[in-house]
C-alpha cells in the first residue's frame, strides 16, 4: 500500500511540474530571435540602434537566471546610445543546448562566437556578470577577434574553496537528479525564489518585482534547472584550466566588484584577475554586494562608454587598484 501511495505522490508532483513548466513558458515567452549554432540554439534579443557608432555591447548573465536579468536597467540604459545584444546562455531561458552536460565556458564561448559571426556584429564589448565572467574571459582568450573589450561585473575567474551546493550535485546525479528535477524542484523553487533573491542582492534591497521582471521562474523548468546545475558543478575545474592564461588577454579590461559580495568573493576572483591581466582596470565599490548591474548601472554604463572611447582612440585601458 505504501509503495503505491509513494508512486502516486511522485506522479502527482511530476504532473504538476509539467503543467507549471508549460504555464511558466506561456507567461514568459521568448524574446527576440533564435540563432542555430553547433550544439545549441541561442535566444538573442537586440536593443538600441543597429547602426550606432562604436562596437555593439554584448550582455551575458550569470547562473540561475536568463538574459532579462541584464536587460533592466543596464541593457535599456546602454541601448539609448549603443547597439545592445542580450543572449540567453546555452541551456538557459529560451536557449537550448543539445546536451545538458555540455556546460563548460570553452564550449559556450564557441557557441556565442559562432552566433556573433552569424549576426555580423564585428568585435563587441562583452559585459559579463558572475558565472559569465568565466565565459567572457574564455571568449577573450579563444576568440579575441570577436571581443573589442571586456567589462566584468563580480566575475567568477578563479578556483575557490568548497563546492557549489549539495542540491546541484544531487541534480547532476544519474537517475536521482532527473527524478528531483521533474518532481520537487519547481514547487520548492517557487516558494524560495524571493528569499534566494534577497541573499544574492544583500546588502542591497531586491528591486520591486524583480522575480517577475527577470522571468526567474523559467529556471525551475527541469531541463534548465539541470543545465544550471551542470554549469555550476563543472565551473571550478573550468576556471582552474583557464586561469593560467589570463595574461594573454590584450584587449581593454575593466572589472567592477563589491567589497561585501558574499556570493563571489572579490578577493578570490576580481582582484587576482585584475592583477593577472595587463592594463586591467579594477573598481571595488564599498558597501556593494553581488548584483553590480542593479546596484551601480550608471557606473557600468560610464565605464563601457569610456572603454568605447579609448578603443576609438586606440589607447589601452589604464590600470587602477582599489
Protein backbone atom coordinates (compact mmCIF):
# COMPACT_ATOMS: atom_id res chain seq x y z
CA UNK A 1 0.00 0.00 0.00
CA UNK A 2 2.75 2.45 0.99
CA UNK A 3 4.71 1.99 -2.29
CA UNK A 4 1.52 2.71 -4.24
CA UNK A 5 0.99 5.93 -2.27
CA UNK A 6 4.62 6.97 -2.87
CA UNK A 7 4.32 6.32 -6.60
CA UNK A 8 1.08 8.30 -6.70
CA UNK A 9 2.67 11.26 -4.92
CA UNK A 10 5.68 11.22 -7.25
CA UNK A 11 3.37 11.04 -10.27
CA UNK A 12 1.33 13.96 -8.91
CA UNK A 13 4.45 16.10 -8.46
CA UNK A 14 5.66 15.16 -11.95
CA UNK A 15 2.34 16.15 -13.47
CA UNK A 16 2.28 19.41 -11.51
CA UNK A 17 5.83 20.17 -12.67
CA UNK A 18 4.93 19.53 -16.30
CA UNK A 19 1.84 21.73 -16.06
CA UNK A 20 3.60 24.54 -14.18
CA UNK A 21 6.52 24.45 -16.60
CA UNK A 22 4.11 24.90 -19.50
CA UNK A 23 2.34 27.79 -17.76
CA UNK A 24 5.64 29.49 -16.89
CA UNK A 25 6.70 29.26 -20.52
CA UNK A 26 3.46 30.94 -21.60
CA UNK A 27 3.85 33.71 -19.00
CA UNK A 28 7.43 34.41 -20.05
CA UNK A 29 7.61 33.74 -23.82
CA UNK A 30 10.81 34.02 -25.88
CA UNK A 31 12.10 37.47 -26.73
CA UNK A 32 13.83 38.32 -30.00
CA UNK A 33 15.05 35.59 -32.32
CA UNK A 34 16.74 32.20 -32.29
CA UNK A 35 20.14 31.54 -33.88
CA UNK A 36 21.20 27.95 -34.54
CA UNK A 37 24.86 27.17 -33.75
CA UNK A 38 26.82 23.97 -33.34
CA UNK A 39 25.49 22.27 -30.21
CA UNK A 40 22.70 24.71 -29.38
CA UNK A 41 20.03 27.12 -30.48
CA UNK A 42 20.53 30.52 -28.87
CA UNK A 43 17.82 33.01 -27.93
CA UNK A 44 19.00 36.52 -28.83
CA UNK A 45 17.42 39.91 -28.16
CA UNK A 46 18.71 43.22 -29.52
CA UNK A 47 18.08 46.72 -28.22
CA UNK A 48 19.09 50.17 -29.40
CA UNK A 49 20.06 51.44 -32.85
CA UNK A 50 21.69 48.79 -35.03
CA UNK A 51 23.79 51.43 -36.78
CA UNK A 52 25.07 53.07 -33.58
CA UNK A 53 28.67 54.23 -33.63
CA UNK A 54 31.23 52.06 -31.89
CA UNK A 55 31.22 48.33 -31.18
CA UNK A 56 27.99 46.65 -30.05
CA UNK A 57 27.67 45.70 -26.39
CA UNK A 58 27.05 42.02 -25.56
CA UNK A 59 25.48 41.37 -22.14
CA UNK A 60 25.97 37.91 -20.60
CA UNK A 61 24.03 36.84 -17.50
CA UNK A 62 25.23 34.66 -14.65
CA UNK A 63 23.87 31.49 -13.07
CA UNK A 64 20.25 30.77 -12.18
CA UNK A 65 18.78 33.40 -14.49
CA UNK A 66 18.38 34.46 -18.13
CA UNK A 67 19.01 37.46 -20.39
CA UNK A 68 16.26 39.51 -18.71
CA UNK A 69 18.46 39.82 -15.63
CA UNK A 70 20.79 42.00 -17.71
CA UNK A 71 18.13 43.85 -19.67
CA UNK A 72 16.73 46.13 -16.96
CA UNK A 73 18.09 48.57 -16.04
CA UNK A 74 21.55 48.05 -17.58
CA UNK A 75 20.64 46.93 -21.10
CA UNK A 76 18.00 49.60 -21.54
CA UNK A 77 20.37 52.33 -20.32
CA UNK A 78 23.10 51.22 -22.74
CA UNK A 79 20.58 50.96 -25.59
CA UNK A 80 19.99 54.71 -25.51
CA UNK A 81 23.25 55.16 -27.41
CA UNK A 82 24.53 51.72 -28.36
CA UNK A 83 23.50 48.52 -30.08
CA UNK A 84 22.94 46.03 -27.27
CA UNK A 85 22.86 42.25 -27.70
CA UNK A 86 21.46 40.01 -24.98
CA UNK A 87 21.85 36.24 -25.21
CA UNK A 88 20.36 33.52 -23.05
CA UNK A 89 23.44 31.45 -22.20
CA UNK A 90 23.25 27.94 -23.68
CA UNK A 91 20.69 25.92 -21.74
CA UNK A 92 19.12 28.95 -20.04
CA UNK A 93 15.98 30.94 -20.72
CA UNK A 94 14.97 30.02 -24.25
CA UNK A 95 18.41 28.88 -25.42
CA UNK A 96 18.53 25.09 -25.74
CA UNK A 97 21.75 23.09 -25.84
CA UNK A 98 21.82 19.64 -27.33
CA UNK A 99 23.50 18.06 -24.31
CA UNK A 100 22.77 19.13 -20.72
CA UNK A 101 26.32 18.13 -19.76
CA UNK A 102 27.82 20.49 -22.37
CA UNK A 103 28.41 23.03 -19.65
CA UNK A 104 31.92 24.48 -19.73
CA UNK A 105 32.85 28.07 -20.72
CA UNK A 106 35.09 26.86 -23.55
CA UNK A 107 32.15 25.22 -25.31
CA UNK A 108 29.72 28.08 -24.65
CA UNK A 109 32.25 30.64 -25.85
CA UNK A 110 32.49 28.80 -29.17
CA UNK A 111 28.69 28.82 -29.47
CA UNK A 112 28.41 32.53 -28.78
CA UNK A 113 31.30 33.39 -31.09
CA UNK A 114 29.52 31.49 -33.85
CA UNK A 115 26.30 33.42 -33.16
CA UNK A 116 28.15 36.75 -33.31
CA UNK A 117 29.66 35.73 -36.64
CA UNK A 118 26.22 34.79 -37.93
CA UNK A 119 24.92 38.21 -36.83
CA UNK A 120 27.81 40.05 -38.46
CA UNK A 121 28.45 42.15 -35.37
CA UNK A 122 32.19 42.60 -35.65
CA UNK A 123 34.10 42.78 -32.35
CA UNK A 124 31.87 43.52 -29.34
CA UNK A 125 32.26 44.89 -25.84
CA UNK A 126 31.46 41.92 -23.59
CA UNK A 127 29.78 42.79 -20.29
CA UNK A 128 29.58 39.63 -18.18
CA UNK A 129 28.20 39.09 -14.68
CA UNK A 130 29.10 36.46 -12.08
CA UNK A 131 29.46 32.96 -13.59
CA UNK A 132 29.53 34.55 -17.04
CA UNK A 133 32.83 36.15 -16.02
CA UNK A 134 34.40 32.76 -16.80
CA UNK A 135 32.57 32.74 -20.13
CA UNK A 136 33.55 36.31 -21.03
CA UNK A 137 37.21 35.66 -20.29
CA UNK A 138 37.07 32.46 -22.34
CA UNK A 139 35.64 34.42 -25.26
CA UNK A 140 38.54 36.86 -24.97
CA UNK A 141 41.09 34.03 -24.80
CA UNK A 142 39.77 31.75 -27.53
CA UNK A 143 38.05 34.24 -29.85
CA UNK A 144 39.92 37.54 -29.44
CA UNK A 145 38.79 38.68 -32.89
CA UNK A 146 35.21 38.75 -31.53
CA UNK A 147 36.00 40.81 -28.41
CA UNK A 148 36.88 44.51 -28.54
CA UNK A 149 36.83 44.92 -24.76
CA UNK A 150 35.80 43.15 -21.58
CA UNK A 151 33.79 44.55 -18.66
CA UNK A 152 33.37 42.03 -15.85
CA UNK A 153 30.85 42.51 -13.03
CA UNK A 154 31.50 40.49 -9.85
CA UNK A 155 33.07 37.81 -12.06
CA UNK A 156 33.96 34.21 -11.34
CA UNK A 157 37.53 33.80 -12.58
CA UNK A 158 39.47 31.58 -10.15
CA UNK A 159 39.00 28.38 -8.13
CA UNK A 160 37.56 28.73 -4.63
CA UNK A 161 37.40 26.60 -1.50
CA UNK A 162 34.27 24.50 -1.08
CA UNK A 163 31.59 23.42 -3.51
CA UNK A 164 28.51 24.82 -5.22
CA UNK A 165 25.67 23.45 -3.09
CA UNK A 166 24.60 19.88 -2.38
CA UNK A 167 21.46 20.27 -4.48
CA UNK A 168 23.48 20.95 -7.63
CA UNK A 169 25.46 17.76 -7.03
CA UNK A 170 22.20 15.92 -6.47
CA UNK A 171 20.66 17.22 -9.68
CA UNK A 172 23.66 16.05 -11.72
CA UNK A 173 23.50 12.56 -10.18
CA UNK A 174 22.17 9.97 -12.67
CA UNK A 175 18.52 8.96 -12.22
CA UNK A 176 18.12 10.75 -8.86
CA UNK A 177 18.81 14.13 -10.41
CA UNK A 178 16.25 13.78 -13.16
CA UNK A 179 13.68 12.49 -10.68
CA UNK A 180 14.18 15.53 -8.44
CA UNK A 181 14.18 17.98 -11.35
CA UNK A 182 10.93 16.60 -12.71
CA UNK A 183 9.09 16.50 -9.37
CA UNK A 184 10.05 18.73 -6.43
CA UNK A 185 12.48 21.42 -7.58
CA UNK A 186 9.87 23.56 -9.34
CA UNK A 187 7.36 23.86 -6.48
CA UNK A 188 10.12 24.29 -3.91
CA UNK A 189 11.85 26.83 -6.12
CA UNK A 190 8.71 28.92 -6.46
CA UNK A 191 8.48 29.06 -2.67
CA UNK A 192 12.13 30.01 -2.23
CA UNK A 193 12.65 32.40 -5.18
CA UNK A 194 12.15 35.62 -3.22
CA UNK A 195 14.40 34.63 -0.32
CA UNK A 196 17.10 33.44 -2.75
CA UNK A 197 16.95 36.83 -4.46
CA UNK A 198 17.39 38.61 -1.13
CA UNK A 199 20.51 36.57 -0.41
CA UNK A 200 22.17 37.34 -3.74
CA UNK A 201 21.34 41.06 -3.55
CA UNK A 202 22.45 41.61 0.06
CA UNK A 203 23.21 44.13 1.43
CA UNK A 204 21.22 45.93 -1.29
CA UNK A 205 17.44 45.54 -1.43
CA UNK A 206 15.78 43.40 -4.08
CA UNK A 207 14.05 45.70 -6.61
CA UNK A 208 10.28 45.56 -6.57
CA UNK A 209 9.00 42.94 -8.99
CA UNK A 210 12.49 41.52 -9.64
CA UNK A 211 11.48 37.85 -9.78
CA UNK A 212 8.66 38.59 -12.24
CA UNK A 213 10.54 41.17 -14.33
CA UNK A 214 13.53 38.84 -14.82
CA UNK A 215 11.41 35.74 -15.55
CA UNK A 216 13.28 33.90 -12.80
CA UNK A 217 10.71 31.04 -12.72
CA UNK A 218 11.99 29.92 -16.14
CA UNK A 219 14.98 28.48 -14.25
CA UNK A 220 12.76 25.99 -12.46
CA UNK A 221 11.77 24.08 -15.58
CA UNK A 222 13.51 20.70 -15.43
CA UNK A 223 15.77 20.97 -18.48
CA UNK A 224 17.03 24.43 -17.44
CA UNK A 225 17.47 23.51 -13.79
CA UNK A 226 19.58 20.51 -14.81
CA UNK A 227 21.65 22.64 -17.22
CA UNK A 228 22.23 25.24 -14.50
CA UNK A 229 23.42 22.57 -12.07
CA UNK A 230 25.88 21.18 -14.63
CA UNK A 231 27.22 24.71 -15.26
CA UNK A 232 27.92 25.10 -11.56
CA UNK A 233 29.43 21.69 -10.78
CA UNK A 234 31.88 21.90 -13.69
CA UNK A 235 32.82 25.55 -13.15
CA UNK A 236 35.72 25.18 -10.72
CA UNK A 237 37.71 22.83 -12.96
CA UNK A 238 36.99 25.12 -15.90
CA UNK A 239 38.47 28.22 -14.25
CA UNK A 240 41.45 26.20 -12.99
CA UNK A 241 42.15 25.30 -16.62
CA UNK A 242 41.94 28.85 -17.94
CA UNK A 243 43.29 30.97 -15.06
CA UNK A 244 46.91 30.44 -16.10
CA UNK A 245 46.14 32.08 -19.47
CA UNK A 246 44.73 35.40 -18.26
CA UNK A 247 47.98 37.16 -19.02
CA UNK A 248 47.26 36.54 -22.73
CA UNK A 249 44.27 38.92 -22.69
CA UNK A 250 45.34 42.01 -24.60
CA UNK A 251 42.13 43.98 -25.16
CA UNK A 252 40.93 46.65 -22.68
CA UNK A 253 39.52 45.14 -19.48
CA UNK A 254 37.54 46.71 -16.64
CA UNK A 255 36.49 44.76 -13.55
CA UNK A 256 33.81 46.09 -11.19
CA UNK A 257 33.09 44.31 -7.91
CA UNK A 258 31.64 44.98 -4.47
CA UNK A 259 33.69 44.73 -1.31
CA UNK A 260 30.91 42.90 0.60
CA UNK A 261 29.98 40.38 -2.11
CA UNK A 262 29.08 37.14 -0.28
CA UNK A 263 28.29 35.21 -3.46
CA UNK A 264 31.54 35.66 -5.42
CA UNK A 265 34.44 36.83 -3.27
CA UNK A 266 36.19 39.90 -4.69
CA UNK A 267 39.45 38.87 -3.03
CA UNK A 268 39.37 35.40 -4.60
CA UNK A 269 38.25 36.45 -8.07
CA UNK A 270 38.22 40.12 -9.15
CA UNK A 271 41.46 41.24 -7.51
CA UNK A 272 43.65 38.33 -8.70
CA UNK A 273 42.16 38.53 -12.18
CA UNK A 274 42.83 42.27 -12.49
CA UNK A 275 46.39 41.70 -11.27
CA UNK A 276 46.96 38.99 -13.89
CA UNK A 277 45.68 40.92 -16.92
CA UNK A 278 47.89 43.60 -18.47
CA UNK A 279 46.39 47.12 -18.14
CA UNK A 280 43.22 45.89 -16.42
CA UNK A 281 41.22 48.49 -14.53
CA UNK A 282 39.76 47.40 -11.18
CA UNK A 283 36.95 49.23 -9.41
CA UNK A 284 35.85 47.95 -5.99
CA UNK A 285 32.64 49.52 -4.70
CA UNK A 286 32.33 49.94 -0.92
CA UNK A 287 29.21 48.53 0.68
CA UNK A 288 28.08 46.81 -2.53
CA UNK A 289 27.20 43.15 -2.90
CA UNK A 290 26.92 40.84 -5.90
CA UNK A 291 24.37 42.48 -8.20
CA UNK A 292 26.57 45.20 -9.67
CA UNK A 293 24.33 45.79 -12.70
CA UNK A 294 21.47 46.71 -10.37
CA UNK A 295 23.45 48.48 -7.64
CA UNK A 296 25.53 50.71 -9.95
CA UNK A 297 24.11 50.64 -13.50
CA UNK A 298 25.13 54.23 -14.29
CA UNK A 299 28.73 53.45 -13.35
CA UNK A 300 28.75 50.37 -15.58
CA UNK A 301 27.38 52.43 -18.47
CA UNK A 302 30.02 55.13 -17.97
CA UNK A 303 32.81 52.52 -17.89
CA UNK A 304 31.50 50.87 -21.06
CA UNK A 305 31.36 54.22 -22.81
CA UNK A 306 34.85 55.16 -21.57
CA UNK A 307 36.15 51.87 -22.97
CA UNK A 308 34.49 52.51 -26.32
CA UNK A 309 36.12 55.94 -26.39
CA UNK A 310 39.56 54.51 -25.65
CA UNK A 311 39.12 51.83 -28.30
CA UNK A 312 38.24 54.54 -30.81
CA UNK A 313 41.44 56.37 -29.86
CA UNK A 314 43.50 53.18 -29.99
CA UNK A 315 44.65 53.63 -26.40
CA UNK A 316 44.97 50.83 -23.77
CA UNK A 317 42.89 50.90 -20.61
CA UNK A 318 44.60 52.40 -17.55
CA UNK A 319 45.13 50.18 -14.52
CA UNK A 320 43.56 51.33 -11.27
CA UNK A 321 43.83 49.44 -7.99
CA UNK A 322 41.15 49.94 -5.34
